[in-house]
Amino acid sequence: MYPNESLLSLVLTFHSLELPETSIYPAFIFGLTTYLFILLCNLTIINTICMNRNLHKPMYILLLNLPINDAMNATSLFPQLLYSIWSQDRSISYPACFLQGFLAHLNGGASYLILTAMAYDRYIAICCPLRYGAIMTTNNLVKIITGMWLLNFFLITVVFTILLPYRICQTHMTDLVCYKTALMKLLCDGTEVNNIVGLSCIIFYHGLSLSVVAFTYIHILITCVTNKQSDAKIKALQTCGTHLVVFLLLELNTLFPLISHRSEFVPAFLRRVFSISNFIFPPLVNPLVYGFKTKEIRQKIFTCFKNKKISSF
């Protein structure tokens, strides 16, 4: 048993990566390449939206939060993981593990709230186009963005603060990264309280996002079906289709780790793979989906690369 006073100096040990010596350098290069590619894709989306005034609209300002969140999400894992692969040192201090877990859940919750806000924006734009300018004003947009980040920060802070009063009985972690469930397994007691609070937050995030997305997309679908303008219908479906693909990928990517951590029937290997999937797939897939599926962003990116290519000659 480790007293709470020693948490700052407490060192935890992750489960071994089980990499043979011949695979250390290839694994490091692959991980570094993946991380740099994730940063490149997300920073490209961020730069494209920030540098083009035509994209300074509520839809794209809300979207801007997603690559920022995804870049932060990947950064909370890859530097520590790459150092661990290179040095084969699987130890981490408790404060660093706590921070990594906090950021992982903060980014995960933010993804749901951002996509929920984007669904609301699309609902107003398609179902109430004449009122869109009056509803999605700059002040309201700032309130939405500030409100969702503050709410997310408050909820995740509560979830992780509840871990602190309880004593730790072990320092070996069975997972590859720090999650709330991984930190809970280290506790001597208090798992029931933490489970209740954690499940309540999961129900809130999933319930809110699923309810809003279902409500908005049912109304959007009805509006598109009844709309006689084929061009407007196709544009609306393309925009909403991109958003829906990202949302469904997020749901699936969250569902598998959630089930694996709470089920004894999932093999340990798959549980460890699922534990890092949230750090990799959303930050990797989201900018590719929005970069290639959203016409305005795709055109701006291609125009930017074309201009740079011409100026280089």
C-alpha atoms as a PDB file:
ATOM      1  CA  MET A   1       0.000   0.000   0.000  1.00  0.00           C
ATOM      2  CA  TYR A   2       1.317   3.423  -0.963  1.00  0.00           C
ATOM      3  CA  PRO A   3       0.255   6.525   1.039  1.00  0.00           C
ATOM      4  CA  ASN A   4      -1.204   9.460  -0.890  1.00  0.00           C
ATOM      5  CA  GLU A   5       1.658  11.672   0.315  1.00  0.00           C
ATOM      6  CA  SER A   6       4.096   9.659  -1.853  1.00  0.00           C
ATOM      7  CA  LEU A   7       2.086   9.903  -5.117  1.00  0.00           C
ATOM      8  CA  LEU A   8       4.344  12.608  -6.550  1.00  0.00           C
ATOM      9  CA  SER A   9       7.368  10.322  -6.309  1.00  0.00           C
ATOM     10  CA  LEU A  10       5.545   7.079  -7.116  1.00  0.00           C
ATOM     11  CA  VAL A  11       6.755   5.268 -10.239  1.00  0.00           C
ATOM     12  CA  LEU A  12       4.419   2.989 -12.200  1.00  0.00           C
ATOM     13  CA  THR A  13       5.324   0.269 -14.681  1.00  0.00           C
ATOM     14  CA  PHE A  14       3.418  -0.361 -17.907  1.00  0.00           C
ATOM     15  CA  HIS A  15       2.958  -3.782 -19.395  1.00  0.00           C
ATOM     16  CA  SER A  16       5.918  -4.753 -21.565  1.00  0.00           C
ATOM     17  CA  LEU A  17       5.738  -3.942 -25.266  1.00  0.00           C
ATOM     18  CA  GLU A  18       7.294  -7.366 -25.894  1.00  0.00           C
ATOM     19  CA  LEU A  19       9.364  -6.082 -28.794  1.00  0.00           C
ATOM     20  CA  PRO A  20      12.366  -8.184 -29.882  1.00  0.00           C
ATOM     21  CA  GLU A  21      15.597  -6.218 -30.332  1.00  0.00           C
ATOM     22  CA  THR A  22      15.373  -6.453 -34.112  1.00  0.00           C
ATOM     23  CA  SER A  23      11.975  -4.726 -34.062  1.00  0.00           C
ATOM     24  CA  ILE A  24      12.836  -1.772 -31.821  1.00  0.00           C
ATOM     25  CA  TYR A  25      14.128   0.567 -34.564  1.00  0.00           C
ATOM     26  CA  PRO A  26      11.445  -0.325 -37.144  1.00  0.00           C
ATOM     27  CA  ALA A  27       8.742   0.154 -34.483  1.00  0.00           C
ATOM     28  CA  PHE A  28      10.241   3.514 -33.464  1.00  0.00           C
ATOM     29  CA  ILE A  29      10.450   4.717 -37.078  1.00  0.00           C
ATOM     30  CA  PHE A  30       6.907   3.545 -37.790  1.00  0.00           C
ATOM     31  CA  GLY A  31       5.576   5.266 -34.647  1.00  0.00           C
ATOM     32  CA  LEU A  32       7.476   8.490 -35.376  1.00  0.00           C
ATOM     33  CA  THR A  33       6.274   8.507 -39.001  1.00  0.00           C
ATOM     34  CA  THR A  34       2.676   7.951 -37.879  1.00  0.00           C
ATOM     35  CA  TYR A  35       2.907  10.773 -35.317  1.00  0.00           C
ATOM     36  CA  LEU A  36       4.433  13.223 -37.800  1.00  0.00           C
ATOM     37  CA  PHE A  37       1.827  12.301 -40.422  1.00  0.00           C
ATOM     38  CA  ILE A  38      -0.972  12.892 -37.889  1.00  0.00           C
ATOM     39  CA  LEU A  39       0.489  16.295 -37.004  1.00  0.00           C
ATOM     40  CA  LEU A  40       0.945  17.182 -40.692  1.00  0.00           C
ATOM     41  CA  CYS A  41      -2.659  16.302 -41.586  1.00  0.00           C
ATOM     42  CA  ASN A  42      -4.204  18.101 -38.618  1.00  0.00           C
ATOM     43  CA  LEU A  43      -1.975  21.169 -38.885  1.00  0.00           C
ATOM     44  CA  THR A  44      -2.826  21.368 -42.602  1.00  0.00           C
ATOM     45  CA  ILE A  45      -6.544  21.539 -41.756  1.00  0.00           C
ATOM     46  CA  ILE A  46      -5.881  24.111 -39.007  1.00  0.00           C
ATOM     47  CA  ASN A  47      -3.725  26.273 -41.285  1.00  0.00           C
ATOM     48  CA  THR A  48      -6.213  26.002 -44.179  1.00  0.00           C
ATOM     49  CA  ILE A  49      -9.127  27.197 -42.063  1.00  0.00           C
ATOM     50  CA  CYS A  50      -7.155  29.940 -40.276  1.00  0.00           C
ATOM     51  CA  MET A  51      -5.535  31.388 -43.398  1.00  0.00           C
ATOM     52  CA  ASN A  52      -8.616  31.493 -45.653  1.00  0.00           C
ATOM     53  CA  ARG A  53     -11.227  34.131 -44.858  1.00  0.00           C
ATOM     54  CA  ASN A  54     -13.812  32.267 -46.930  1.00  0.00           C
ATOM     55  CA  LEU A  55     -13.682  29.498 -44.336  1.00  0.00           C
ATOM     56  CA  HIS A  56     -14.253  31.824 -41.374  1.00  0.00           C
ATOM     57  CA  LYS A  57     -17.817  30.595 -40.994  1.00  0.00           C
ATOM     58  CA  PRO A  58     -19.500  28.887 -38.004  1.00  0.00           C
ATOM     59  CA  MET A  59     -19.308  25.447 -39.623  1.00  0.00           C
ATOM     60  CA  TYR A  60     -15.537  25.642 -40.161  1.00  0.00           C
ATOM     61  CA  ILE A  61     -14.794  27.441 -36.883  1.00  0.00           C
ATOM     62  CA  LEU A  62     -16.493  24.554 -35.069  1.00  0.00           C
ATOM     63  CA  LEU A  63     -14.601  22.102 -37.271  1.00  0.00           C
ATOM     64  CA  LEU A  64     -11.336  23.880 -36.369  1.00  0.00           C
ATOM     65  CA  ASN A  65     -11.696  22.546 -32.816  1.00  0.00           C
ATOM     66  CA  LEU A  66     -11.508  18.947 -34.084  1.00  0.00           C
ATOM     67  CA  PRO A  67      -7.956  18.950 -35.568  1.00  0.00           C
ATOM     68  CA  ILE A  68      -6.714  20.963 -32.579  1.00  0.00           C
ATOM     69  CA  ASN A  69      -8.213  18.350 -30.270  1.00  0.00           C
ATOM     70  CA  ASP A  70      -6.871  15.464 -32.387  1.00  0.00           C
ATOM     71  CA  ALA A  71      -3.334  16.885 -32.443  1.00  0.00           C
ATOM     72  CA  MET A  72      -3.441  17.253 -28.649  1.00  0.00           C
ATOM     73  CA  ASN A  73      -4.772  13.713 -28.336  1.00  0.00           C
ATOM     74  CA  ALA A  74      -1.934  12.193 -30.367  1.00  0.00           C
ATOM     75  CA  THR A  75       0.638  14.305 -28.517  1.00  0.00           C
ATOM     76  CA  SER A  76      -0.551  12.973 -25.166  1.00  0.00           C
ATOM     77  CA  LEU A  77       0.536   9.463 -26.242  1.00  0.00           C
ATOM     78  CA  PHE A  78       3.246   9.419 -28.916  1.00  0.00           C
ATOM     79  CA  PRO A  79       6.179  11.255 -27.242  1.00  0.00           C
ATOM     80  CA  GLN A  80       5.993   8.983 -24.182  1.00  0.00           C
ATOM     81  CA  LEU A  81       5.383   5.863 -26.299  1.00  0.00           C
ATOM     82  CA  LEU A  82       8.265   6.655 -28.680  1.00  0.00           C
ATOM     83  CA  TYR A  83      10.637   7.226 -25.756  1.00  0.00           C
ATOM     84  CA  SER A  84       9.469   3.925 -24.257  1.00  0.00           C
ATOM     85  CA  ILE A  85      10.119   2.058 -27.527  1.00  0.00           C
ATOM     86  CA  TRP A  86      13.553   3.630 -27.987  1.00  0.00           C
ATOM     87  CA  SER A  87      14.761   3.145 -24.409  1.00  0.00           C
ATOM     88  CA  GLN A  88      12.712   0.036 -23.565  1.00  0.00           C
ATOM     89  CA  ASP A  89      11.909   1.789 -20.303  1.00  0.00           C
ATOM     90  CA  ARG A  90       8.290   1.078 -19.383  1.00  0.00           C
ATOM     91  CA  SER A  91       8.231   3.171 -16.207  1.00  0.00           C
ATOM     92  CA  ILE A  92       6.278   6.374 -15.759  1.00  0.00           C
ATOM     93  CA  SER A  93       5.707   8.634 -12.764  1.00  0.00           C
ATOM     94  CA  TYR A  94       2.221   8.673 -11.273  1.00  0.00           C
ATOM     95  CA  PRO A  95       1.704  12.431 -11.982  1.00  0.00           C
ATOM     96  CA  ALA A  96       2.700  11.904 -15.639  1.00  0.00           C
ATOM     97  CA  CYS A  97       0.384   8.887 -15.918  1.00  0.00           C
ATOM     98  CA  PHE A  98      -2.426  10.829 -14.254  1.00  0.00           C
ATOM     99  CA  LEU A  99      -1.911  13.725 -16.704  1.00  0.00           C
ATOM    100  CA  GLN A 100      -1.856  11.393 -19.709  1.00  0.00           C
ATOM    101  CA  GLY A 101      -5.107   9.758 -18.606  1.00  0.00           C
ATOM    102  CA  PHE A 102      -6.702  13.148 -17.934  1.00  0.00           C
ATOM    103  CA  LEU A 103      -5.757  14.451 -21.393  1.00  0.00           C
ATOM    104  CA  ALA A 104      -6.916  11.231 -23.080  1.00  0.00           C
ATOM    105  CA  HIS A 105     -10.378  11.511 -21.525  1.00  0.00           C
ATOM    106  CA  LEU A 106     -10.479  15.289 -22.039  1.00  0.00           C
ATOM    107  CA  ASN A 107      -9.800  14.837 -25.767  1.00  0.00           C
ATOM    108  CA  GLY A 108     -12.267  11.957 -26.030  1.00  0.00           C
ATOM    109  CA  GLY A 109     -15.054  13.941 -24.381  1.00  0.00           C
ATOM    110  CA  ALA A 110     -14.237  17.002 -26.486  1.00  0.00           C
ATOM    111  CA  SER A 111     -14.609  14.952 -29.684  1.00  0.00           C
ATOM    112  CA  TYR A 112     -18.198  14.096 -28.775  1.00  0.00           C
ATOM    113  CA  LEU A 113     -19.116  17.658 -27.803  1.00  0.00           C
ATOM    114  CA  ILE A 114     -17.502  19.146 -30.928  1.00  0.00           C
ATOM    115  CA  LEU A 115     -19.372  16.744 -33.226  1.00  0.00           C
ATOM    116  CA  THR A 116     -22.582  17.443 -31.283  1.00  0.00           C
ATOM    117  CA  ALA A 117     -22.151  21.204 -31.800  1.00  0.00           C
ATOM    118  CA  MET A 118     -21.417  20.621 -35.497  1.00  0.00           C
ATOM    119  CA  ALA A 119     -24.606  18.544 -35.837  1.00  0.00           C
ATOM    120  CA  TYR A 120     -26.601  21.418 -34.312  1.00  0.00           C
ATOM    121  CA  ASP A 121     -24.938  23.886 -36.719  1.00  0.00           C
ATOM    122  CA  ARG A 122     -25.858  21.723 -39.745  1.00  0.00           C
ATOM    123  CA  TYR A 123     -29.433  21.380 -38.443  1.00  0.00           C
ATOM    124  CA  ILE A 124     -29.871  25.158 -38.261  1.00  0.00           C
ATOM    125  CA  ALA A 125     -28.187  25.705 -41.654  1.00  0.00           C
ATOM    126  CA  ILE A 126     -30.326  23.139 -43.500  1.00  0.00           C
ATOM    127  CA  CYS A 127     -33.631  23.157 -41.625  1.00  0.00           C
ATOM    128  CA  CYS A 128     -33.761  26.863 -40.693  1.00  0.00           C
ATOM    129  CA  PRO A 129     -31.641  28.592 -43.371  1.00  0.00           C
ATOM    130  CA  LEU A 130     -33.396  31.962 -43.074  1.00  0.00           C
ATOM    131  CA  ARG A 131     -32.660  32.121 -39.330  1.00  0.00           C
ATOM    132  CA  TYR A 132     -29.115  30.765 -39.559  1.00  0.00           C
ATOM    133  CA  GLY A 133     -27.425  34.185 -39.584  1.00  0.00           C
ATOM    134  CA  ALA A 134     -29.463  35.348 -36.587  1.00  0.00           C
ATOM    135  CA  ILE A 135     -28.848  32.173 -34.540  1.00  0.00           C
ATOM    136  CA  MET A 136     -25.206  31.366 -35.353  1.00  0.00           C
ATOM    137  CA  THR A 137     -23.818  34.814 -34.625  1.00  0.00           C
ATOM    138  CA  THR A 138     -20.221  35.370 -33.530  1.00  0.00           C
ATOM    139  CA  ASN A 139     -21.308  35.823 -29.907  1.00  0.00           C
ATOM    140  CA  ASN A 140     -23.362  32.625 -29.927  1.00  0.00           C
ATOM    141  CA  LEU A 141     -20.540  30.736 -31.627  1.00  0.00           C
ATOM    142  CA  VAL A 142     -18.081  31.859 -28.932  1.00  0.00           C
ATOM    143  CA  LYS A 143     -20.590  30.827 -26.238  1.00  0.00           C
ATOM    144  CA  ILE A 144     -21.009  27.365 -27.802  1.00  0.00           C
ATOM    145  CA  ILE A 145     -17.271  26.730 -28.121  1.00  0.00           C
ATOM    146  CA  THR A 146     -16.423  28.121 -24.681  1.00  0.00           C
ATOM    147  CA  GLY A 147     -19.346  26.307 -23.061  1.00  0.00           C
ATOM    148  CA  MET A 148     -18.502  22.880 -24.506  1.00  0.00           C
ATOM    149  CA  TRP A 149     -14.825  23.119 -23.494  1.00  0.00           C
ATOM    150  CA  LEU A 150     -15.624  24.340 -19.964  1.00  0.00           C
ATOM    151  CA  LEU A 151     -18.273  21.641 -19.484  1.00  0.00           C
ATOM    152  CA  ASN A 152     -15.887  18.985 -20.774  1.00  0.00           C
ATOM    153  CA  PHE A 153     -13.035  20.192 -18.546  1.00  0.00           C
ATOM    154  CA  PHE A 154     -15.296  20.278 -15.479  1.00  0.00           C
ATOM    155  CA  LEU A 155     -16.668  16.753 -16.002  1.00  0.00           C
ATOM    156  CA  ILE A 156     -13.271  15.141 -16.657  1.00  0.00           C
ATOM    157  CA  THR A 157     -11.781  17.000 -13.676  1.00  0.00           C
ATOM    158  CA  VAL A 158     -14.512  15.553 -11.446  1.00  0.00           C
ATOM    159  CA  VAL A 159     -13.943  12.040 -12.833  1.00  0.00           C
ATOM    160  CA  PHE A 160     -10.209  12.132 -12.102  1.00  0.00           C
ATOM    161  CA  THR A 161     -10.395  14.041  -8.817  1.00  0.00           C
ATOM    162  CA  ILE A 162     -12.372  11.137  -7.333  1.00  0.00           C
ATOM    163  CA  LEU A 163      -9.294   8.919  -7.795  1.00  0.00           C
ATOM    164  CA  LEU A 164      -7.139  10.984  -5.431  1.00  0.00           C
ATOM    165  CA  PRO A 165      -8.593  10.119  -1.961  1.00  0.00           C
ATOM    166  CA  TYR A 166      -8.025   6.372  -2.391  1.00  0.00           C
ATOM    167  CA  ARG A 167      -4.793   4.530  -1.652  1.00  0.00           C
ATOM    168  CA  ILE A 168      -2.790   2.656  -4.255  1.00  0.00           C
ATOM    169  CA  CYS A 169      -1.959  -1.016  -3.692  1.00  0.00           C
ATOM    170  CA  GLN A 170       0.137  -1.827  -6.761  1.00  0.00           C
ATOM    171  CA  THR A 171       2.344  -0.109  -9.318  1.00  0.00           C
ATOM    172  CA  HIS A 172       2.209  -2.544 -12.246  1.00  0.00           C
ATOM    173  CA  MET A 173      -0.240  -1.574 -14.971  1.00  0.00           C
ATOM    174  CA  THR A 174      -1.722  -4.182 -17.297  1.00  0.00           C
ATOM    175  CA  ASP A 175      -2.344  -1.623 -20.071  1.00  0.00           C
ATOM    176  CA  LEU A 176      -0.028   0.106 -22.535  1.00  0.00           C
ATOM    177  CA  VAL A 177      -1.253   3.620 -21.693  1.00  0.00           C
ATOM    178  CA  CYS A 178      -2.885   5.452 -18.807  1.00  0.00           C
ATOM    179  CA  TYR A 179      -6.680   5.415 -18.794  1.00  0.00           C
ATOM    180  CA  LYS A 180      -9.075   5.969 -15.925  1.00  0.00           C
ATOM    181  CA  THR A 181      -9.814   2.227 -15.855  1.00  0.00           C
ATOM    182  CA  ALA A 182      -6.069   1.442 -15.764  1.00  0.00           C
ATOM    183  CA  LEU A 183      -5.575   3.815 -12.823  1.00  0.00           C
ATOM    184  CA  MET A 184      -8.603   2.350 -11.043  1.00  0.00           C
ATOM    185  CA  LYS A 185      -7.038  -1.123 -11.130  1.00  0.00           C
ATOM    186  CA  LEU A 186      -4.180   0.220  -8.973  1.00  0.00           C
ATOM    187  CA  LEU A 187      -6.496   1.269  -6.121  1.00  0.00           C
ATOM    188  CA  CYS A 188      -6.971  -0.707  -2.903  1.00  0.00           C
ATOM    189  CA  ASP A 189     -10.647   0.321  -2.726  1.00  0.00           C
ATOM    190  CA  GLY A 190     -13.048   2.942  -4.091  1.00  0.00           C
ATOM    191  CA  THR A 191     -13.532   1.216  -7.433  1.00  0.00           C
ATOM    192  CA  GLU A 192     -17.325   1.117  -6.986  1.00  0.00           C
ATOM    193  CA  VAL A 193     -17.609   4.891  -6.559  1.00  0.00           C
ATOM    194  CA  ASN A 194     -15.252   5.527  -9.464  1.00  0.00           C
ATOM    195  CA  ASN A 195     -17.186   3.062 -11.644  1.00  0.00           C
ATOM    196  CA  ILE A 196     -20.492   4.807 -10.926  1.00  0.00           C
ATOM    197  CA  VAL A 197     -19.112   8.276 -11.693  1.00  0.00           C
ATOM    198  CA  GLY A 198     -17.270   7.032 -14.785  1.00  0.00           C
ATOM    199  CA  LEU A 199     -20.308   5.232 -16.193  1.00  0.00           C
ATOM    200  CA  SER A 200     -22.482   8.293 -15.475  1.00  0.00           C
ATOM    201  CA  CYS A 201     -20.132  10.452 -17.571  1.00  0.00           C
ATOM    202  CA  ILE A 202     -20.076   7.869 -20.361  1.00  0.00           C
ATOM    203  CA  ILE A 203     -23.875   7.809 -20.412  1.00  0.00           C
ATOM    204  CA  PHE A 204     -23.954  11.622 -20.471  1.00  0.00           C
ATOM    205  CA  TYR A 205     -21.487  12.007 -23.366  1.00  0.00           C
ATOM    206  CA  HIS A 206     -22.947   9.207 -25.475  1.00  0.00           C
ATOM    207  CA  GLY A 207     -26.552  10.006 -24.588  1.00  0.00           C
ATOM    208  CA  LEU A 208     -26.188  13.710 -25.399  1.00  0.00           C
ATOM    209  CA  SER A 209     -24.340  13.188 -28.669  1.00  0.00           C
ATOM    210  CA  LEU A 210     -26.539  10.326 -29.894  1.00  0.00           C
ATOM    211  CA  SER A 211     -29.734  12.230 -29.019  1.00  0.00           C
ATOM    212  CA  VAL A 212     -28.653  15.440 -30.742  1.00  0.00           C
ATOM    213  CA  VAL A 213     -27.236  13.668 -33.813  1.00  0.00           C
ATOM    214  CA  ALA A 214     -30.321  11.453 -34.167  1.00  0.00           C
ATOM    215  CA  PHE A 215     -32.720  14.411 -33.759  1.00  0.00           C
ATOM    216  CA  THR A 216     -30.830  16.696 -36.149  1.00  0.00           C
ATOM    217  CA  TYR A 217     -30.228  14.087 -38.848  1.00  0.00           C
ATOM    218  CA  ILE A 218     -33.811  12.871 -38.876  1.00  0.00           C
ATOM    219  CA  HIS A 219     -34.956  16.454 -39.457  1.00  0.00           C
ATOM    220  CA  ILE A 220     -32.169  17.059 -41.998  1.00  0.00           C
ATOM    221  CA  LEU A 221     -33.168  13.916 -43.898  1.00  0.00           C
ATOM    222  CA  ILE A 222     -36.834  14.993 -43.943  1.00  0.00           C
ATOM    223  CA  THR A 223     -35.831  18.459 -45.173  1.00  0.00           C
ATOM    224  CA  CYS A 224     -33.609  17.006 -47.920  1.00  0.00           C
ATOM    225  CA  VAL A 225     -36.339  14.617 -49.090  1.00  0.00           C
ATOM    226  CA  THR A 226     -38.930  17.399 -49.277  1.00  0.00           C
ATOM    227  CA  ASN A 227     -36.502  19.903 -50.842  1.00  0.00           C
ATOM    228  CA  LYS A 228     -37.135  20.241 -54.594  1.00  0.00           C
ATOM    229  CA  GLN A 229     -33.740  21.823 -55.309  1.00  0.00           C
ATOM    230  CA  SER A 230     -31.486  18.903 -56.257  1.00  0.00           C
ATOM    231  CA  ASP A 231     -28.219  20.889 -55.934  1.00  0.00           C
ATOM    232  CA  ALA A 232     -29.029  22.017 -52.396  1.00  0.00           C
ATOM    233  CA  LYS A 233     -30.098  18.476 -51.499  1.00  0.00           C
ATOM    234  CA  ILE A 234     -26.853  16.924 -52.771  1.00  0.00           C
ATOM    235  CA  LYS A 235     -24.676  19.540 -51.044  1.00  0.00           C
ATOM    236  CA  ALA A 236     -26.510  19.051 -47.740  1.00  0.00           C
ATOM    237  CA  LEU A 237     -26.200  15.265 -47.911  1.00  0.00           C
ATOM    238  CA  GLN A 238     -22.481  15.465 -48.752  1.00  0.00           C
ATOM    239  CA  THR A 239     -21.760  17.811 -45.849  1.00  0.00           C
ATOM    240  CA  CYS A 240     -23.781  15.773 -43.384  1.00  0.00           C
ATOM    241  CA  GLY A 241     -22.431  12.489 -44.728  1.00  0.00           C
ATOM    242  CA  THR A 242     -18.877  13.541 -43.863  1.00  0.00           C
ATOM    243  CA  HIS A 243     -19.929  14.490 -40.345  1.00  0.00           C
ATOM    244  CA  LEU A 244     -21.854  11.253 -39.896  1.00  0.00           C
ATOM    245  CA  VAL A 245     -18.888   9.114 -41.040  1.00  0.00           C
ATOM    246  CA  VAL A 246     -16.613  10.771 -38.467  1.00  0.00           C
ATOM    247  CA  PHE A 247     -19.225  10.391 -35.724  1.00  0.00           C
ATOM    248  CA  LEU A 248     -19.813   6.690 -36.451  1.00  0.00           C
ATOM    249  CA  LEU A 249     -16.062   6.012 -36.543  1.00  0.00           C
ATOM    250  CA  LEU A 250     -15.721   7.726 -33.161  1.00  0.00           C
ATOM    251  CA  GLU A 251     -18.576   5.650 -31.722  1.00  0.00           C
ATOM    252  CA  LEU A 252     -17.074   2.376 -32.954  1.00  0.00           C
ATOM    253  CA  ASN A 253     -13.573   3.347 -31.845  1.00  0.00           C
ATOM    254  CA  THR A 254     -14.884   4.175 -28.361  1.00  0.00           C
ATOM    255  CA  LEU A 255     -17.146   1.147 -28.075  1.00  0.00           C
ATOM    256  CA  PHE A 256     -14.444  -1.498 -28.524  1.00  0.00           C
ATOM    257  CA  PRO A 257     -12.050  -0.192 -25.815  1.00  0.00           C
ATOM    258  CA  LEU A 258     -15.014   0.341 -23.474  1.00  0.00           C
ATOM    259  CA  ILE A 259     -16.198  -3.259 -23.868  1.00  0.00           C
ATOM    260  CA  SER A 260     -12.690  -4.700 -23.720  1.00  0.00           C
ATOM    261  CA  HIS A 261     -11.879  -2.968 -20.430  1.00  0.00           C
ATOM    262  CA  ARG A 262     -15.078  -4.156 -18.767  1.00  0.00           C
ATOM    263  CA  SER A 263     -15.248  -7.688 -20.168  1.00  0.00           C
ATOM    264  CA  GLU A 264     -13.182 -10.642 -18.998  1.00  0.00           C
ATOM    265  CA  PHE A 265     -13.755 -12.495 -22.277  1.00  0.00           C
ATOM    266  CA  VAL A 266     -11.661 -10.122 -24.402  1.00  0.00           C
ATOM    267  CA  PRO A 267      -8.058 -11.378 -24.777  1.00  0.00           C
ATOM    268  CA  ALA A 268      -5.425  -9.229 -23.053  1.00  0.00           C
ATOM    269  CA  PHE A 269      -3.645  -8.579 -26.379  1.00  0.00           C
ATOM    270  CA  LEU A 270      -6.779  -7.110 -27.982  1.00  0.00           C
ATOM    271  CA  ARG A 271      -7.478  -5.058 -24.873  1.00  0.00           C
ATOM    272  CA  ARG A 272      -4.038  -3.456 -25.122  1.00  0.00           C
ATOM    273  CA  VAL A 273      -4.472  -2.781 -28.845  1.00  0.00           C
ATOM    274  CA  PHE A 274      -7.870  -1.179 -28.254  1.00  0.00           C
ATOM    275  CA  SER A 275      -6.399   0.917 -25.422  1.00  0.00           C
ATOM    276  CA  ILE A 276      -4.225   2.899 -27.874  1.00  0.00           C
ATOM    277  CA  SER A 277      -6.713   3.004 -30.765  1.00  0.00           C
ATOM    278  CA  ASN A 278      -8.329   6.237 -29.544  1.00  0.00           C
ATOM    279  CA  PHE A 279      -4.953   7.987 -29.719  1.00  0.00           C
ATOM    280  CA  ILE A 280      -4.323   6.904 -33.306  1.00  0.00           C
ATOM    281  CA  PHE A 281      -7.421   6.373 -35.436  1.00  0.00           C
ATOM    282  CA  PRO A 282      -9.463   9.569 -34.796  1.00  0.00           C
ATOM    283  CA  PRO A 283      -6.441  11.919 -35.183  1.00  0.00           C
ATOM    284  CA  LEU A 284      -5.409   9.989 -38.302  1.00  0.00           C
ATOM    285  CA  VAL A 285      -8.795   9.504 -39.983  1.00  0.00           C
ATOM    286  CA  ASN A 286     -10.616  12.759 -39.123  1.00  0.00           C
ATOM    287  CA  PRO A 287      -8.377  15.171 -41.091  1.00  0.00           C
ATOM    288  CA  LEU A 288      -8.325  12.788 -44.056  1.00  0.00           C
ATOM    289  CA  VAL A 289     -12.138  12.545 -44.083  1.00  0.00           C
ATOM    290  CA  TYR A 290     -12.677  16.294 -43.686  1.00  0.00           C
ATOM    291  CA  GLY A 291      -9.752  17.199 -45.945  1.00  0.00           C
ATOM    292  CA  PHE A 292     -10.895  15.086 -48.886  1.00  0.00           C
ATOM    293  CA  LYS A 293     -14.665  14.919 -48.376  1.00  0.00           C
ATOM    294  CA  THR A 294     -15.355  18.599 -47.625  1.00  0.00           C
ATOM    295  CA  LYS A 295     -15.253  20.364 -50.983  1.00  0.00           C
ATOM    296  CA  GLU A 296     -14.303  23.851 -49.747  1.00  0.00           C
ATOM    297  CA  ILE A 297     -11.398  22.600 -47.614  1.00  0.00           C
ATOM    298  CA  ARG A 298     -10.194  20.236 -50.348  1.00  0.00           C
ATOM    299  CA  GLN A 299     -10.161  23.030 -52.920  1.00  0.00           C
ATOM    300  CA  LYS A 300      -8.259  25.378 -50.599  1.00  0.00           C
ATOM    301  CA  ILE A 301      -5.639  22.722 -49.814  1.00  0.00           C
ATOM    302  CA  PHE A 302      -5.128  21.877 -53.520  1.00  0.00           C
ATOM    303  CA  THR A 303      -4.965  25.571 -54.423  1.00  0.00           C
ATOM    304  CA  CYS A 304      -2.357  26.173 -51.722  1.00  0.00           C
ATOM    305  CA  PHE A 305      -0.164  23.287 -52.900  1.00  0.00           C
ATOM    306  CA  LYS A 306      -0.570  24.352 -56.551  1.00  0.00           C
ATOM    307  CA  ASN A 307       0.501  27.921 -55.763  1.00  0.00           C
ATOM    308  CA  LYS A 308       3.538  26.706 -53.814  1.00  0.00           C
ATOM    309  CA  LYS A 309       4.482  24.358 -56.662  1.00  0.00           C
ATOM    310  CA  ILE A 310       4.225  27.177 -59.221  1.00  0.00           C
ATOM    311  CA  SER A 311       6.218  29.603 -57.038  1.00  0.00           C
ATOM    312  CA  SER A 312       9.011  27.044 -56.644  1.00  0.00           C
ATOM    313  CA  PHE A 313       9.759  27.028 -60.399  1.00  0.00           C
END
